[in-house]
Amino acid sequence: MSMVLINLTPHPIVVVGDSGETLRVIPASGMIARLKTTTERCGSVDGVPLSRTVFGEPEGLPDPEDGTLYIVSQLIKSALPQRADLVVPAEVVRDQAGNIIGCKSLGL
């Protein structure tokens, strides 16, 4: 059975080889998986407000489907460790300025 990759991030995923050549570009699907968030104020320091972000349930994440892997952010993957169908860009490759230009693999 062949696998389908669906990119649930807002940007294309560029997979590069060891020599930096582009092996594949996985376009954004137009669907974005995120965690619901709320912000709680929790005091201040020297007049500067402090807050805490609380992460909730995922939104925009399809149910598991046989033969499909979903590319998501590390935050989504970490929040749902039971989901074996979620992968993240791994072995990130950066340019000389430190900007991410791709990844060498997708992490389980």
N, C-alpha and C. Protein backbone atom coordinates (compact mmCIF):
# COMPACT_ATOMS: atom_id res chain seq x y z
N MET A 1 0.85 -1.18 0.00
CA MET A 1 0.00 0.00 0.00
C MET A 1 0.89 1.24 0.00
N SER A 2 0.58 2.20 -0.85
CA SER A 2 1.36 3.43 -0.88
C SER A 2 0.81 4.41 0.16
N MET A 3 1.68 5.27 0.62
CA MET A 3 1.32 6.26 1.63
C MET A 3 1.12 7.61 0.97
N VAL A 4 0.20 8.39 1.52
CA VAL A 4 -0.07 9.75 1.08
C VAL A 4 0.42 10.70 2.17
N LEU A 5 1.10 11.77 1.78
CA LEU A 5 1.54 12.81 2.71
C LEU A 5 0.66 14.03 2.53
N ILE A 6 0.08 14.51 3.63
CA ILE A 6 -0.72 15.74 3.59
C ILE A 6 -0.08 16.73 4.54
N ASN A 7 0.28 17.88 3.99
CA ASN A 7 0.98 18.91 4.75
C ASN A 7 -0.05 19.83 5.42
N LEU A 8 -0.15 19.74 6.75
CA LEU A 8 -1.08 20.56 7.51
C LEU A 8 -0.40 21.76 8.16
N THR A 9 0.75 22.18 7.60
CA THR A 9 1.43 23.40 8.05
C THR A 9 1.11 24.50 7.04
N PRO A 10 1.36 25.76 7.39
CA PRO A 10 1.01 26.86 6.47
C PRO A 10 2.04 27.11 5.37
N HIS A 11 3.09 26.30 5.28
CA HIS A 11 4.14 26.54 4.29
C HIS A 11 4.57 25.23 3.65
N PRO A 12 5.16 25.30 2.45
CA PRO A 12 5.63 24.07 1.81
C PRO A 12 6.76 23.44 2.62
N ILE A 13 6.85 22.13 2.58
CA ILE A 13 7.93 21.39 3.23
C ILE A 13 8.90 20.97 2.13
N VAL A 14 10.16 21.42 2.24
CA VAL A 14 11.19 21.10 1.26
C VAL A 14 12.08 20.02 1.86
N VAL A 15 12.14 18.87 1.21
CA VAL A 15 13.00 17.77 1.66
C VAL A 15 14.26 17.83 0.82
N VAL A 16 15.41 17.91 1.48
CA VAL A 16 16.69 18.03 0.78
C VAL A 16 17.57 16.82 1.04
N GLY A 17 18.43 16.54 0.08
CA GLY A 17 19.39 15.45 0.20
C GLY A 17 20.63 15.89 0.95
N ASP A 18 21.53 14.95 1.14
CA ASP A 18 22.76 15.23 1.89
C ASP A 18 23.63 16.30 1.24
N SER A 19 23.51 16.47 -0.07
CA SER A 19 24.29 17.48 -0.77
C SER A 19 23.54 18.79 -0.92
N GLY A 20 22.35 18.88 -0.32
CA GLY A 20 21.57 20.11 -0.38
C GLY A 20 20.60 20.18 -1.54
N GLU A 21 20.57 19.17 -2.37
CA GLU A 21 19.66 19.18 -3.51
C GLU A 21 18.22 18.92 -3.04
N THR A 22 17.28 19.54 -3.72
CA THR A 22 15.87 19.36 -3.37
C THR A 22 15.41 18.00 -3.88
N LEU A 23 14.92 17.18 -2.96
CA LEU A 23 14.40 15.87 -3.33
C LEU A 23 12.90 15.92 -3.60
N ARG A 24 12.22 16.74 -2.82
CA ARG A 24 10.76 16.83 -2.97
C ARG A 24 10.27 18.08 -2.27
N VAL A 25 9.25 18.69 -2.82
CA VAL A 25 8.55 19.80 -2.18
C VAL A 25 7.12 19.34 -1.94
N ILE A 26 6.70 19.39 -0.68
CA ILE A 26 5.34 18.98 -0.32
C ILE A 26 4.56 20.26 -0.04
N PRO A 27 3.67 20.63 -0.96
CA PRO A 27 2.98 21.92 -0.80
C PRO A 27 2.03 21.92 0.40
N ALA A 28 1.77 23.10 0.92
CA ALA A 28 0.76 23.25 1.97
C ALA A 28 -0.58 22.83 1.38
N SER A 29 -1.38 22.13 2.16
CA SER A 29 -2.65 21.61 1.67
C SER A 29 -3.77 22.64 1.70
N GLY A 30 -3.54 23.73 2.43
CA GLY A 30 -4.60 24.71 2.63
C GLY A 30 -5.34 24.50 3.93
N MET A 31 -5.15 23.31 4.54
CA MET A 31 -5.69 23.03 5.88
C MET A 31 -4.54 23.21 6.86
N ILE A 32 -4.80 23.83 7.99
CA ILE A 32 -3.74 24.04 8.98
C ILE A 32 -4.20 23.46 10.32
N ALA A 33 -3.40 22.56 10.86
CA ALA A 33 -3.68 21.99 12.18
C ALA A 33 -3.02 22.87 13.24
N ARG A 34 -3.80 23.23 14.23
CA ARG A 34 -3.30 24.07 15.34
C ARG A 34 -3.90 23.56 16.64
N LEU A 35 -3.30 23.99 17.74
CA LEU A 35 -3.90 23.75 19.05
C LEU A 35 -4.64 25.02 19.46
N LYS A 36 -5.83 24.85 20.00
CA LYS A 36 -6.54 26.01 20.54
C LYS A 36 -5.71 26.57 21.68
N THR A 37 -5.70 27.89 21.81
CA THR A 37 -4.92 28.51 22.87
C THR A 37 -5.75 29.55 23.61
N THR A 38 -5.41 29.70 24.87
CA THR A 38 -5.93 30.80 25.67
C THR A 38 -4.74 31.42 26.39
N THR A 39 -4.86 32.68 26.71
CA THR A 39 -3.80 33.38 27.42
C THR A 39 -4.31 33.81 28.78
N GLU A 40 -3.52 33.49 29.80
CA GLU A 40 -3.87 33.86 31.17
C GLU A 40 -2.86 34.87 31.68
N ARG A 41 -3.34 35.97 32.23
CA ARG A 41 -2.44 36.93 32.88
C ARG A 41 -2.03 36.35 34.23
N CYS A 42 -0.76 36.52 34.57
CA CYS A 42 -0.27 35.94 35.82
C CYS A 42 0.69 36.88 36.55
N GLY A 43 0.38 38.15 36.53
CA GLY A 43 1.18 39.11 37.29
C GLY A 43 1.92 40.06 36.39
N SER A 44 2.94 40.69 37.00
CA SER A 44 3.78 41.62 36.24
C SER A 44 5.14 41.71 36.91
N VAL A 45 6.10 42.17 36.14
CA VAL A 45 7.45 42.41 36.63
C VAL A 45 7.86 43.80 36.17
N ASP A 46 8.12 44.66 37.13
CA ASP A 46 8.57 46.02 36.84
C ASP A 46 7.63 46.72 35.85
N GLY A 47 6.32 46.51 36.04
CA GLY A 47 5.32 47.15 35.20
C GLY A 47 5.04 46.45 33.88
N VAL A 48 5.73 45.33 33.61
CA VAL A 48 5.51 44.59 32.37
C VAL A 48 4.62 43.38 32.68
N PRO A 49 3.47 43.27 32.02
CA PRO A 49 2.57 42.14 32.28
C PRO A 49 3.22 40.80 31.92
N LEU A 50 2.93 39.79 32.72
CA LEU A 50 3.34 38.42 32.44
C LEU A 50 2.09 37.62 32.08
N SER A 51 2.24 36.70 31.15
CA SER A 51 1.12 35.86 30.76
C SER A 51 1.60 34.43 30.53
N ARG A 52 0.64 33.54 30.49
CA ARG A 52 0.91 32.13 30.26
C ARG A 52 -0.04 31.67 29.15
N THR A 53 0.51 30.97 28.15
CA THR A 53 -0.32 30.41 27.09
C THR A 53 -0.69 28.99 27.49
N VAL A 54 -1.98 28.70 27.44
CA VAL A 54 -2.48 27.37 27.76
C VAL A 54 -2.97 26.74 26.46
N PHE A 55 -2.43 25.56 26.13
CA PHE A 55 -2.79 24.88 24.90
C PHE A 55 -3.92 23.90 25.16
N GLY A 56 -4.88 23.89 24.25
CA GLY A 56 -6.05 23.03 24.38
C GLY A 56 -6.11 21.98 23.29
N GLU A 57 -7.31 21.71 22.85
CA GLU A 57 -7.57 20.68 21.86
C GLU A 57 -7.10 21.10 20.46
N PRO A 58 -6.77 20.11 19.62
CA PRO A 58 -6.40 20.45 18.25
C PRO A 58 -7.61 20.88 17.43
N GLU A 59 -7.34 21.72 16.44
CA GLU A 59 -8.37 22.09 15.48
C GLU A 59 -7.76 22.01 14.09
N GLY A 60 -8.57 21.62 13.12
CA GLY A 60 -8.08 21.49 11.76
C GLY A 60 -7.31 20.21 11.51
N LEU A 61 -7.37 19.26 12.42
CA LEU A 61 -6.64 18.01 12.28
C LEU A 61 -7.63 16.90 11.91
N PRO A 62 -7.47 16.34 10.72
CA PRO A 62 -8.38 15.26 10.31
C PRO A 62 -8.21 14.02 11.19
N ASP A 63 -9.23 13.19 11.19
CA ASP A 63 -9.13 11.89 11.86
C ASP A 63 -8.12 11.03 11.12
N PRO A 64 -7.51 10.05 11.82
CA PRO A 64 -6.59 9.14 11.13
C PRO A 64 -7.27 8.46 9.94
N GLU A 65 -6.48 8.25 8.89
CA GLU A 65 -6.98 7.58 7.70
C GLU A 65 -5.91 6.61 7.22
N ASP A 66 -6.29 5.38 6.96
CA ASP A 66 -5.33 4.37 6.49
C ASP A 66 -4.56 4.89 5.28
N GLY A 67 -3.24 4.70 5.31
CA GLY A 67 -2.40 5.08 4.19
C GLY A 67 -2.06 6.55 4.12
N THR A 68 -2.38 7.32 5.16
CA THR A 68 -2.13 8.76 5.15
C THR A 68 -1.29 9.18 6.34
N LEU A 69 -0.26 9.97 6.06
CA LEU A 69 0.53 10.61 7.11
C LEU A 69 0.30 12.11 7.00
N TYR A 70 0.10 12.75 8.14
CA TYR A 70 -0.11 14.20 8.19
C TYR A 70 1.15 14.88 8.71
N ILE A 71 1.64 15.87 7.97
CA ILE A 71 2.78 16.66 8.42
C ILE A 71 2.24 17.80 9.27
N VAL A 72 2.71 17.88 10.51
CA VAL A 72 2.22 18.86 11.47
C VAL A 72 3.40 19.51 12.19
N SER A 73 3.11 20.49 13.03
CA SER A 73 4.15 21.12 13.84
C SER A 73 4.54 20.18 14.99
N GLN A 74 5.71 20.41 15.56
CA GLN A 74 6.15 19.62 16.70
C GLN A 74 5.20 19.79 17.88
N LEU A 75 4.61 20.96 18.02
CA LEU A 75 3.66 21.22 19.11
C LEU A 75 2.45 20.28 19.01
N ILE A 76 1.89 20.13 17.81
CA ILE A 76 0.76 19.23 17.61
C ILE A 76 1.18 17.78 17.89
N LYS A 77 2.31 17.37 17.33
CA LYS A 77 2.78 15.98 17.51
C LYS A 77 3.01 15.68 18.98
N SER A 78 3.61 16.60 19.71
CA SER A 78 3.89 16.39 21.13
C SER A 78 2.60 16.32 21.95
N ALA A 79 1.58 17.06 21.53
CA ALA A 79 0.30 17.06 22.25
C ALA A 79 -0.50 15.78 22.02
N LEU A 80 -0.18 15.06 20.94
CA LEU A 80 -0.94 13.87 20.57
C LEU A 80 -0.01 12.67 20.33
N PRO A 81 0.74 12.23 21.35
CA PRO A 81 1.72 11.16 21.15
C PRO A 81 1.10 9.83 20.72
N GLN A 82 -0.20 9.66 20.94
CA GLN A 82 -0.86 8.42 20.56
C GLN A 82 -1.14 8.33 19.06
N ARG A 83 -1.01 9.44 18.35
CA ARG A 83 -1.31 9.47 16.90
C ARG A 83 -0.06 9.07 16.11
N ALA A 84 -0.05 7.84 15.61
CA ALA A 84 1.08 7.33 14.83
C ALA A 84 1.10 7.88 13.40
N ASP A 85 0.05 8.61 13.00
CA ASP A 85 -0.06 9.13 11.65
C ASP A 85 0.45 10.56 11.51
N LEU A 86 1.05 11.09 12.57
CA LEU A 86 1.57 12.46 12.54
C LEU A 86 3.08 12.45 12.41
N VAL A 87 3.61 13.24 11.48
CA VAL A 87 5.06 13.37 11.31
C VAL A 87 5.42 14.85 11.31
N VAL A 88 6.69 15.13 11.58
CA VAL A 88 7.18 16.51 11.63
C VAL A 88 8.45 16.64 10.81
N PRO A 89 8.72 17.83 10.27
CA PRO A 89 10.01 18.03 9.61
C PRO A 89 11.14 17.76 10.60
N ALA A 90 12.11 16.96 10.18
CA ALA A 90 13.23 16.60 11.06
C ALA A 90 14.55 16.82 10.31
N GLU A 91 15.63 16.84 11.06
CA GLU A 91 16.96 17.09 10.49
C GLU A 91 16.92 18.38 9.67
N VAL A 92 16.51 19.45 10.33
CA VAL A 92 16.33 20.76 9.70
C VAL A 92 17.65 21.25 9.10
N VAL A 93 17.55 21.83 7.91
CA VAL A 93 18.71 22.39 7.21
C VAL A 93 18.53 23.91 7.16
N ARG A 94 19.59 24.63 7.50
CA ARG A 94 19.55 26.10 7.52
C ARG A 94 20.56 26.67 6.53
N ASP A 95 20.26 27.89 6.06
CA ASP A 95 21.22 28.59 5.21
C ASP A 95 22.24 29.30 6.08
N GLN A 96 23.15 30.05 5.47
CA GLN A 96 24.21 30.72 6.22
C GLN A 96 23.69 31.76 7.19
N ALA A 97 22.50 32.30 6.93
CA ALA A 97 21.91 33.30 7.81
C ALA A 97 21.10 32.67 8.94
N GLY A 98 21.01 31.34 8.94
CA GLY A 98 20.27 30.65 9.99
C GLY A 98 18.81 30.40 9.67
N ASN A 99 18.38 30.75 8.47
CA ASN A 99 16.99 30.53 8.07
C ASN A 99 16.78 29.08 7.65
N ILE A 100 15.67 28.50 8.04
CA ILE A 100 15.36 27.12 7.65
C ILE A 100 15.06 27.09 6.16
N ILE A 101 15.75 26.20 5.46
CA ILE A 101 15.52 26.06 4.01
C ILE A 101 14.96 24.69 3.66
N GLY A 102 14.92 23.80 4.61
CA GLY A 102 14.38 22.47 4.33
C GLY A 102 14.65 21.52 5.47
N CYS A 103 14.35 20.25 5.22
CA CYS A 103 14.62 19.19 6.18
C CYS A 103 15.12 17.98 5.40
N LYS A 104 15.83 17.09 6.10
CA LYS A 104 16.34 15.89 5.46
C LYS A 104 15.40 14.69 5.62
N SER A 105 14.47 14.78 6.55
CA SER A 105 13.56 13.66 6.78
C SER A 105 12.29 14.15 7.47
N LEU A 106 11.35 13.24 7.61
CA LEU A 106 10.15 13.49 8.39
C LEU A 106 10.22 12.61 9.61
N GLY A 107 10.07 13.22 10.79
CA GLY A 107 10.24 12.50 12.05
C GLY A 107 8.94 11.88 12.51
N LEU A 108 9.06 10.62 12.94
CA LEU A 108 7.93 9.91 13.53
C LEU A 108 7.84 10.30 14.96
